[in-house]
Structures are given as structure tokens and as C-alpha cells.
């Protein structure tokens, strides 16, 4: 995604009426959300990451980009990571009282 932004800027300067120029703010918003998802997962804020994944999916759908399958796959991978971590945390928390102390 970071490689895309300079290309969009160049395209925007060359042709102000192009399709990407109209959606440049949406591309930047998607980039911001992807960064926020990565940061939230690194810090362990899984609920926050899931919220950002849903927002990023909406932004991606708004762009209606046909070649965005890789970005969508990355979003789904982030969602799975966050859900898995939350499930693991809930399982450990639920079984904490039933574990042996030895």
C-alpha cells in the first residue's frame, strides 16, 4: 500500500481528472487503517484491531478496486489473528481456576 501512494500522487499530477485522483483520500484512509491495525496487533489490542478491520473493509468496498484481493486477504488475516488471540485469552482465563498447581 505504501508503494501505491507515490504512484497515485504522480498520476494525480499528470491527470487531475483520473479515477484515482477522486479516491485519493480513500486510499490514504485505507493506508492509515492498515497501519493502525498492525500497530494494534503489535500492542495486543485485539478488539481495537477488529474494529479497524471492519472500517478498512468498508473503505476498501467504497474504493471498489478490482485488484484489491491481496489487501482484502491481509485484512482477513489480521481479523483471524485478532480473533485467535482473543479466543486463546478467553480459554486461558476460563481454565485458570481448573488447572493443577503442580
C-alpha atoms as a PDB file:
ATOM      1  CA  UNK A   1       0.000   0.000   0.000  1.00  0.00           C
ATOM      2  CA  UNK A   2       2.843   2.381   0.744  1.00  0.00           C
ATOM      3  CA  UNK A   3       4.199   1.900  -2.756  1.00  0.00           C
ATOM      4  CA  UNK A   4       0.800   2.808  -4.148  1.00  0.00           C
ATOM      5  CA  UNK A   5       0.584   6.300  -2.643  1.00  0.00           C
ATOM      6  CA  UNK A   6       3.500   7.864  -4.564  1.00  0.00           C
ATOM      7  CA  UNK A   7       2.134   6.394  -7.793  1.00  0.00           C
ATOM      8  CA  UNK A   8      -1.272   7.880  -7.085  1.00  0.00           C
ATOM      9  CA  UNK A   9       0.327  11.254  -6.385  1.00  0.00           C
ATOM     10  CA  UNK A  10       2.192  11.149  -9.715  1.00  0.00           C
ATOM     11  CA  UNK A  11      -0.951  10.081 -11.559  1.00  0.00           C
ATOM     12  CA  UNK A  12      -2.898  12.824  -9.851  1.00  0.00           C
ATOM     13  CA  UNK A  13      -0.395  15.453 -11.010  1.00  0.00           C
ATOM     14  CA  UNK A  14      -0.383  14.134 -14.561  1.00  0.00           C
ATOM     15  CA  UNK A  15      -4.149  13.825 -14.923  1.00  0.00           C
ATOM     16  CA  UNK A  16      -6.275  15.612 -12.308  1.00  0.00           C
ATOM     17  CA  UNK A  17      -9.470  14.032 -13.657  1.00  0.00           C
ATOM     18  CA  UNK A  18      -8.342  10.410 -13.323  1.00  0.00           C
ATOM     19  CA  UNK A  19     -10.255   7.828 -11.288  1.00  0.00           C
ATOM     20  CA  UNK A  20      -7.541   7.577  -8.639  1.00  0.00           C
ATOM     21  CA  UNK A  21      -7.458  11.317  -8.022  1.00  0.00           C
ATOM     22  CA  UNK A  22     -11.089  11.268  -6.935  1.00  0.00           C
ATOM     23  CA  UNK A  23     -10.429   8.425  -4.487  1.00  0.00           C
ATOM     24  CA  UNK A  24      -7.039   9.569  -3.234  1.00  0.00           C
ATOM     25  CA  UNK A  25      -8.437  10.386   0.209  1.00  0.00           C
ATOM     26  CA  UNK A  26      -9.965   6.901   0.432  1.00  0.00           C
ATOM     27  CA  UNK A  27      -6.615   5.325  -0.492  1.00  0.00           C
ATOM     28  CA  UNK A  28      -4.895   7.389   2.197  1.00  0.00           C
ATOM     29  CA  UNK A  29      -7.597   6.423   4.724  1.00  0.00           C
ATOM     30  CA  UNK A  30      -7.120   2.753   3.880  1.00  0.00           C
ATOM     31  CA  UNK A  31      -3.374   3.115   4.385  1.00  0.00           C
ATOM     32  CA  UNK A  32      -3.946   4.765   7.775  1.00  0.00           C
ATOM     33  CA  UNK A  33      -6.285   1.961   8.838  1.00  0.00           C
ATOM     34  CA  UNK A  34      -3.818  -0.725   7.767  1.00  0.00           C
ATOM     35  CA  UNK A  35      -1.113   0.954   9.846  1.00  0.00           C
ATOM     36  CA  UNK A  36      -3.486   1.204  12.815  1.00  0.00           C
ATOM     37  CA  UNK A  37      -4.374  -2.497  12.518  1.00  0.00           C
ATOM     38  CA  UNK A  38      -0.715  -3.515  12.514  1.00  0.00           C
ATOM     39  CA  UNK A  39       0.027  -1.269  15.485  1.00  0.00           C
ATOM     40  CA  UNK A  40      -2.957  -2.570  17.460  1.00  0.00           C
ATOM     41  CA  UNK A  41      -1.968  -6.189  16.822  1.00  0.00           C
ATOM     42  CA  UNK A  42       1.632  -5.490  17.825  1.00  0.00           C
ATOM     43  CA  UNK A  43       0.490  -3.969  21.092  1.00  0.00           C
ATOM     44  CA  UNK A  44      -2.093  -6.708  21.767  1.00  0.00           C
ATOM     45  CA  UNK A  45      -5.209  -4.556  21.335  1.00  0.00           C
ATOM     46  CA  UNK A  46      -7.209  -7.240  19.548  1.00  0.00           C
ATOM     47  CA  UNK A  47     -10.684  -5.715  19.928  1.00  0.00           C
ATOM     48  CA  UNK A  48      -9.417  -2.424  18.551  1.00  0.00           C
ATOM     49  CA  UNK A  49      -7.778  -4.246  15.640  1.00  0.00           C
ATOM     50  CA  UNK A  50     -11.050  -5.993  14.779  1.00  0.00           C
ATOM     51  CA  UNK A  51     -12.889  -2.665  14.762  1.00  0.00           C
ATOM     52  CA  UNK A  52     -10.269  -1.192  12.433  1.00  0.00           C
ATOM     53  CA  UNK A  53     -10.506  -4.249  10.148  1.00  0.00           C
ATOM     54  CA  UNK A  54     -14.238  -3.668   9.727  1.00  0.00           C
ATOM     55  CA  UNK A  55     -13.676   0.024   8.975  1.00  0.00           C
ATOM     56  CA  UNK A  56     -10.930  -0.813   6.480  1.00  0.00           C
ATOM     57  CA  UNK A  57     -13.217  -3.333   4.752  1.00  0.00           C
ATOM     58  CA  UNK A  58     -15.817  -0.600   4.311  1.00  0.00           C
ATOM     59  CA  UNK A  59     -13.226   1.786   2.878  1.00  0.00           C
ATOM     60  CA  UNK A  60     -11.974  -0.931   0.523  1.00  0.00           C
ATOM     61  CA  UNK A  61     -15.525  -1.615  -0.601  1.00  0.00           C
ATOM     62  CA  UNK A  62     -16.033   2.118  -1.167  1.00  0.00           C
ATOM     63  CA  UNK A  63     -12.991   2.141  -3.462  1.00  0.00           C
ATOM     64  CA  UNK A  64     -14.476  -0.710  -5.486  1.00  0.00           C
ATOM     65  CA  UNK A  65     -10.999  -1.739  -6.628  1.00  0.00           C
ATOM     66  CA  UNK A  66     -10.920  -4.939  -8.654  1.00  0.00           C
ATOM     67  CA  UNK A  67      -7.276  -5.723  -7.844  1.00  0.00           C
ATOM     68  CA  UNK A  68      -7.596  -5.373  -4.100  1.00  0.00           C
ATOM     69  CA  UNK A  69      -7.765  -9.083  -3.302  1.00  0.00           C
ATOM     70  CA  UNK A  70      -4.326  -9.022  -1.674  1.00  0.00           C
ATOM     71  CA  UNK A  71      -5.336  -6.157   0.612  1.00  0.00           C
ATOM     72  CA  UNK A  72      -8.578  -7.950   1.488  1.00  0.00           C
ATOM     73  CA  UNK A  73      -6.612 -11.125   2.253  1.00  0.00           C
ATOM     74  CA  UNK A  74      -4.328  -9.130   4.558  1.00  0.00           C
ATOM     75  CA  UNK A  75      -7.381  -7.693   6.337  1.00  0.00           C
ATOM     76  CA  UNK A  76      -8.885 -11.144   6.801  1.00  0.00           C
ATOM     77  CA  UNK A  77      -5.565 -12.476   8.098  1.00  0.00           C
ATOM     78  CA  UNK A  78      -5.434  -9.647  10.645  1.00  0.00           C
ATOM     79  CA  UNK A  79      -9.005 -10.402  11.703  1.00  0.00           C
ATOM     80  CA  UNK A  80      -8.174 -14.095  12.156  1.00  0.00           C
ATOM     81  CA  UNK A  81      -5.083 -13.232  14.189  1.00  0.00           C
ATOM     82  CA  UNK A  82      -7.054 -10.940  16.495  1.00  0.00           C
ATOM     83  CA  UNK A  83      -9.905 -13.432  16.916  1.00  0.00           C
ATOM     84  CA  UNK A  84      -7.472 -16.261  17.626  1.00  0.00           C
ATOM     85  CA  UNK A  85      -5.684 -14.239  20.286  1.00  0.00           C
ATOM     86  CA  UNK A  86      -8.978 -13.290  21.924  1.00  0.00           C
ATOM     87  CA  UNK A  87     -10.141 -16.921  21.887  1.00  0.00           C
ATOM     88  CA  UNK A  88      -6.856 -18.085  23.417  1.00  0.00           C
ATOM     89  CA  UNK A  89      -7.111 -15.424  26.115  1.00  0.00           C
ATOM     90  CA  UNK A  90     -10.693 -16.437  26.923  1.00  0.00           C
ATOM     91  CA  UNK A  91      -9.741 -20.134  27.094  1.00  0.00           C
ATOM     92  CA  UNK A  92      -6.820 -19.456  29.427  1.00  0.00           C
ATOM     93  CA  UNK A  93      -8.978 -17.209  31.583  1.00  0.00           C
ATOM     94  CA  UNK A  94     -11.779 -19.773  31.706  1.00  0.00           C
ATOM     95  CA  UNK A  95      -9.487 -22.688  32.580  1.00  0.00           C
ATOM     96  CA  UNK A  96      -7.320 -20.791  35.040  1.00  0.00           C
ATOM     97  CA  UNK A  97      -9.310 -21.920  38.065  1.00  0.00           C
ATOM     98  CA  UNK A  98      -9.340 -25.583  36.980  1.00  0.00           C
ATOM     99  CA  UNK A  99      -5.613 -26.072  36.436  1.00  0.00           C
ATOM    100  CA  UNK A 100      -3.470 -28.139  38.760  1.00  0.00           C
ATOM    101  CA  UNK A 101      -0.932 -26.250  40.786  1.00  0.00           C
ATOM    102  CA  UNK A 102       1.760 -28.830  40.356  1.00  0.00           C
END
